[in-house]
Protein backbone atom coordinates (compact mmCIF):
# COMPACT_ATOMS: atom_id res chain seq x y z
CA MET A 1 119.63 151.06 80.86
CA SER A 2 120.69 149.94 77.40
CA ARG A 3 122.57 153.23 76.92
CA MET A 4 124.73 152.19 79.87
CA THR A 5 125.56 148.79 78.33
CA ALA A 6 124.36 147.09 81.48
CA ALA A 7 121.58 144.91 82.85
CA ILE A 8 119.96 144.47 86.25
CA GLY A 9 117.84 141.47 87.16
CA ILE A 10 115.84 141.27 90.37
CA GLY A 11 113.89 138.20 91.40
CA GLY A 12 112.63 136.66 94.54
CA GLY A 13 110.72 133.99 96.28
CA THR A 14 109.24 133.39 99.66
CA ASN A 15 112.56 133.29 101.48
CA SER A 16 115.10 134.80 99.13
CA THR A 17 115.94 137.66 96.82
CA THR A 18 118.35 137.44 93.90
CA ILE A 19 119.97 140.39 92.18
CA THR A 20 122.18 140.04 89.11
CA ILE A 21 124.18 142.86 87.60
CA GLU A 22 126.01 142.89 84.28
CA ALA A 23 127.99 146.07 83.73
CA THR A 24 131.22 147.34 82.32
CA ARG A 25 133.63 148.99 84.70
CA PRO A 26 132.71 152.54 83.59
CA THR A 27 128.99 151.90 84.08
CA LEU A 28 129.16 150.05 87.39
CA ILE A 29 128.63 153.07 89.68
CA PRO A 30 125.62 154.42 87.70
CA VAL A 31 124.14 150.91 87.62
CA LEU A 32 124.53 150.53 91.38
CA GLU A 33 122.92 153.94 91.88
CA LEU A 34 119.98 152.88 89.69
CA LEU A 35 119.67 149.61 91.62
CA ALA A 36 119.64 151.49 94.93
CA GLN A 37 116.88 153.75 93.60
CA GLN A 38 114.82 150.73 92.50
CA LEU A 39 115.21 149.04 95.87
CA ARG A 40 114.33 152.17 97.86
CA SER A 41 111.37 153.22 95.71
CA PRO A 42 109.94 150.27 93.79
CA ARG A 43 107.24 151.07 91.28
CA PHE A 44 104.09 148.98 91.19
CA ASP A 45 101.85 149.95 88.29
CA PRO A 46 98.20 149.26 89.18
CA GLU A 47 97.64 147.60 85.78
CA ASP A 48 100.55 145.20 86.28
CA LEU A 49 99.44 144.36 89.80
CA GLU A 50 95.91 143.62 88.60
CA ARG A 51 97.26 141.43 85.79
CA LEU A 52 99.36 139.43 88.25
CA LYS A 53 96.37 138.96 90.56
CA LYS A 54 94.32 137.58 87.66
CA GLU A 55 97.14 135.25 86.60
CA ARG A 56 97.47 133.89 90.14
CA SER A 57 93.72 133.48 90.43
CA VAL A 58 93.63 131.40 87.25
CA GLY A 59 96.56 129.35 88.55
CA TYR A 60 94.69 128.59 91.77
CA GLU A 61 91.62 127.55 89.82
CA ILE A 62 93.69 125.21 87.64
CA ALA A 63 95.36 123.72 90.76
CA GLY A 64 91.94 122.81 92.08
CA GLY A 65 92.14 121.02 95.39
CA ASN A 66 95.74 119.92 94.98
CA PRO A 67 97.69 121.71 97.76
CA VAL A 68 101.09 120.99 96.16
CA SER A 69 100.02 122.56 92.86
CA ALA A 70 98.42 125.50 94.65
CA ALA A 71 101.63 126.13 96.60
CA GLU A 72 103.60 126.32 93.34
CA VAL A 73 101.34 129.06 91.95
């Protein structure tokens, strides 16, 4: 991506998805093609997924019985 002088950011929540693109005019089409590939075939590495599960689990433990804190995890 850095060779293209561009950046793609993808984030989301329960009810929304946000995509940001920073690209120069010459790199816009390749960046959009890369974004389309990422959206059609996302990659979920098992190690990353396991790490996220552990992080969430710790967050729930820290939240204890507080439903508002648990919802923010």
